[in-house]
Each structure stands twice: as structure tokens, then as C-alpha cells.
Amino acid sequence: MVVIIGCGNLLRGDDGVGPLLIRKLWDQGVPPGVRLADGGTAGMDVAFQIGDAEEVIIVDACQTGADPGTIYEIPGEEVEVPPPAGINLHSFRWDHAIAMGRWLLKDRFPKKVTVFLIEAEDLSHGFGLTPTVEASMERLAKELLRRVGGKTDETGTDPDRLSSHSS
């Protein structure tokens, strides 16, 4: 089973890109063997979703200073971070959840974890994505459907296919 988890805060502009991508995939339909999850802002929600998956895909916003809408594809092991001592649940993020899941699940941990980050333009309070980030979310949704065997358009091909590292 493939689990796609969208993380972020719907009330902080482009930070809602993960949950909004999950809603988009839900509306478009995913093939059998793919589960969608809204990870919201709680890393523990991510930890609870990965237990029976062979592959996990996490989508979230980021701010690195790159052009808004830039999409990064990163292997999960490159961004997982063990939770620091004394961490509380409010501070527990998806990067902590990957490390905790690897420790707890051991040989049942998903064989592949991929993180897609979309460079945010506006993280101020408010609902909705900026046009640039929304366009990137649309492209990523098509690419994820292609990767999991879903329909991307009427012909089954996608001219806006992502490159392997960023766009």
C-alpha cells in the first residue's frame, strides 16, 4: 500500500498546500492500494499513518528562499530527525515521525519514504493558496497520480511531468 500524507495548516496561506493536495487527489480518485491522509499540523498523525504502508509520500510547504512554487523531491532518510529529548506533541513534526516510525516499526517500516516540499510564497493568516503555489500543487498532484498508477488526463500521459529533483 502507498500512503500519501499532506501536511500543513489550512489557515496559513500556502502552508495548506499538503492538505489541499490530498483533497484534490481525493476528488480525482486514486487507484486501489493508495490511501490518502490529511496530516494537518500534528506529526503524530503522520506517525500513525505509516505502519502498514510499503511506501509513504509526504507533501508539505517550505521556505528556503527559492522561487515560490519550486518543488523539491527528497528521500525521507535525508530529512528525518529524531525527536529531541523533552519534546512535546505540539512540537512533534513529520520529520520526527519518520525517525520515530523507523525506530518503532523496525523491519515493518515502509521500504520507501519520499518527501515533496513546495516553496511557499505567502504564509500569512488566511485560507487559500497563491496562484504560483496552486499551479505547482496541480502539477505535483498529476505527477503523484502518474506514479501510483492513477489517471493523469484523458490520454494517460502528462506533458507537465516533474523532473526528478525540482521544477
Protein backbone atom coordinates (compact mmCIF):
# COMPACT_ATOMS: atom_id res chain seq x y z
CA MET A 1 0.00 0.00 0.00
CA VAL A 2 1.08 3.55 -0.78
CA VAL A 3 0.11 6.26 1.73
CA ILE A 4 0.15 9.90 0.61
CA ILE A 5 0.09 12.34 3.54
CA GLY A 6 -0.45 16.07 3.12
CA CYS A 7 0.85 18.20 5.98
CA GLY A 8 0.29 21.84 6.80
CA ASN A 9 -2.00 24.47 8.24
CA LEU A 10 -5.02 25.35 6.10
CA LEU A 11 -5.30 28.72 7.85
CA ARG A 12 -1.79 29.93 6.91
CA GLY A 13 -1.99 30.51 3.15
CA ASP A 14 0.47 28.37 1.20
CA ASP A 15 1.18 26.24 4.28
CA GLY A 16 -2.11 24.48 3.48
CA VAL A 17 -0.70 23.01 0.25
CA GLY A 18 -0.34 19.48 1.71
CA PRO A 19 -3.93 19.05 2.93
CA LEU A 20 -5.29 20.79 -0.20
CA LEU A 21 -3.33 18.40 -2.41
CA ILE A 22 -4.90 15.48 -0.52
CA ARG A 23 -8.37 16.93 -1.18
CA LYS A 24 -7.51 17.31 -4.88
CA LEU A 25 -6.34 13.69 -5.11
CA TRP A 26 -9.45 12.56 -3.26
CA ASP A 27 -11.67 14.39 -5.76
CA GLN A 28 -9.77 12.97 -8.74
CA GLY A 29 -9.71 9.45 -7.31
CA VAL A 30 -6.75 7.23 -6.60
CA PRO A 31 -6.32 3.60 -7.58
CA PRO A 32 -6.81 0.71 -5.15
CA GLY A 33 -3.82 0.30 -2.85
CA VAL A 34 -3.40 4.05 -2.31
CA ARG A 35 -4.56 5.69 0.90
CA LEU A 36 -4.78 9.44 1.38
CA ALA A 37 -4.32 11.17 4.74
CA ASP A 38 -4.52 14.75 5.91
CA GLY A 39 -1.59 15.03 8.31
CA GLY A 40 -2.53 18.57 9.31
CA THR A 41 0.00 20.11 11.66
CA ALA A 42 0.41 17.16 14.04
CA GLY A 43 3.41 14.95 13.42
CA MET A 44 1.81 12.18 15.46
CA ASP A 45 -0.92 11.94 12.81
CA VAL A 46 1.83 11.14 10.31
CA ALA A 47 3.34 8.53 12.64
CA PHE A 48 0.00 6.70 12.92
CA GLN A 49 -0.43 6.54 9.12
CA ILE A 50 2.82 4.83 8.15
CA GLY A 51 2.51 1.49 9.95
CA ASP A 52 1.05 -0.68 7.18
CA ALA A 53 2.50 1.12 4.17
CA GLU A 54 5.11 -0.14 1.75
CA GLU A 55 5.67 3.40 0.51
CA VAL A 56 4.95 6.76 2.11
CA ILE A 57 4.79 10.10 0.32
CA ILE A 58 4.67 13.27 2.43
CA VAL A 59 3.78 16.67 0.96
CA ASP A 60 4.30 19.97 2.77
CA ALA A 61 5.23 23.59 2.20
CA CYS A 62 8.68 25.01 2.86
CA GLN A 63 10.51 28.31 2.84
CA THR A 64 14.10 28.11 1.66
CA GLY A 65 14.34 31.38 -0.23
CA ALA A 66 13.95 29.73 -3.64
CA ASP A 67 11.36 30.83 -6.19
CA PRO A 68 7.79 30.30 -4.95
CA GLY A 69 6.29 27.12 -6.34
CA THR A 70 9.62 25.29 -6.62
CA ILE A 71 9.03 21.58 -5.95
CA TYR A 72 11.65 19.55 -4.13
CA GLU A 73 11.69 15.74 -4.05
CA ILE A 74 13.75 14.41 -1.17
CA PRO A 75 14.31 10.86 0.10
CA GLY A 76 12.79 10.58 3.58
CA GLU A 77 16.00 9.39 5.19
CA GLU A 78 17.66 12.68 4.22
CA VAL A 79 15.18 14.79 6.20
CA GLU A 80 14.16 12.58 9.13
CA VAL A 81 15.12 13.99 12.50
CA PRO A 82 14.98 12.12 15.82
CA PRO A 83 12.72 13.96 18.28
CA PRO A 84 14.79 15.87 20.82
CA ALA A 85 14.56 14.94 24.49
CA GLY A 86 11.69 16.67 26.24
CA ILE A 87 9.74 17.37 23.04
CA ASN A 88 6.00 17.92 23.42
CA LEU A 89 3.33 16.76 20.99
CA HIS A 90 2.78 20.29 19.67
CA SER A 91 6.42 20.40 18.50
CA PHE A 92 6.41 16.87 17.06
CA ARG A 93 6.66 17.23 13.25
CA TRP A 94 6.53 14.85 10.29
CA ASP A 95 10.33 14.70 10.14
CA HIS A 96 10.27 13.41 13.74
CA ALA A 97 7.51 10.96 12.79
CA ILE A 98 9.68 9.37 10.10
CA ALA A 99 12.51 8.77 12.59
CA MET A 100 10.15 7.52 15.29
CA GLY A 101 8.40 5.21 12.82
CA ARG A 102 11.73 3.74 11.68
CA TRP A 103 12.63 3.07 15.34
CA LEU A 104 9.23 1.63 16.32
CA LEU A 105 8.39 -0.40 13.22
CA LYS A 106 11.89 -1.70 12.53
CA ASP A 107 11.62 -4.19 9.62
CA ARG A 108 7.95 -3.23 9.04
CA PHE A 109 8.95 0.37 8.28
CA PRO A 110 7.98 1.40 4.73
CA LYS A 111 10.54 0.44 2.11
CA LYS A 112 10.39 3.91 0.58
CA VAL A 113 9.63 7.34 2.06
CA THR A 114 9.63 10.37 -0.23
CA VAL A 115 9.03 13.97 0.82
CA PHE A 116 7.80 16.60 -1.62
CA LEU A 117 8.18 20.18 -0.48
CA ILE A 118 6.65 23.12 -2.34
CA GLU A 119 8.26 26.52 -1.84
CA ALA A 120 5.69 28.83 -0.26
CA GLU A 121 5.10 32.41 -1.32
CA ASP A 122 2.78 33.58 1.48
CA LEU A 123 2.37 32.00 4.92
CA SER A 124 0.26 34.77 6.44
CA HIS A 125 -3.08 34.06 8.10
CA GLY A 126 -5.84 33.25 5.65
CA PHE A 127 -7.25 30.39 3.63
CA GLY A 128 -6.16 29.55 0.09
CA LEU A 129 -3.01 29.21 -1.96
CA THR A 130 -1.24 31.83 -4.01
CA PRO A 131 -1.63 31.20 -7.78
CA THR A 132 2.01 30.12 -8.14
CA VAL A 133 1.82 27.53 -5.36
CA GLU A 134 -1.59 26.32 -6.56
CA ALA A 135 -0.15 25.69 -10.04
CA SER A 136 2.73 23.70 -8.51
CA MET A 137 0.26 21.73 -6.39
CA GLU A 138 -1.70 20.86 -9.56
CA ARG A 139 1.48 19.65 -11.29
CA LEU A 140 2.50 17.60 -8.26
CA ALA A 141 -0.97 16.04 -7.99
CA LYS A 142 -0.70 14.90 -11.64
CA GLU A 143 2.77 13.51 -11.05
CA LEU A 144 1.73 11.61 -7.93
CA LEU A 145 -1.25 10.10 -9.75
CA ARG A 146 1.08 9.03 -12.56
CA ARG A 147 3.48 7.42 -10.09
CA VAL A 148 0.82 5.45 -8.24
CA GLY A 149 -0.87 4.28 -11.42
CA GLY A 150 -3.78 6.69 -11.48
CA LYS A 151 -5.19 8.51 -14.47
CA THR A 152 -3.46 11.85 -15.15
CA ASP A 153 -5.54 13.03 -18.12
CA GLU A 154 -7.62 11.65 -20.97
CA THR A 155 -4.62 10.03 -22.67
CA GLY A 156 -2.95 8.71 -19.54
CA THR A 157 0.14 10.82 -20.20
CA ASP A 158 1.18 14.09 -18.66
CA PRO A 159 3.07 16.78 -20.55
CA ASP A 160 3.82 18.63 -17.27
CA ARG A 161 5.72 15.72 -15.71
CA LEU A 162 8.09 16.75 -12.92
CA SER A 163 11.82 16.38 -13.09
CA SER A 164 13.43 14.10 -10.52
CA HIS A 165 14.76 16.81 -8.20
CA SER A 166 12.84 20.06 -8.60
CA SER A 167 10.97 22.21 -11.03
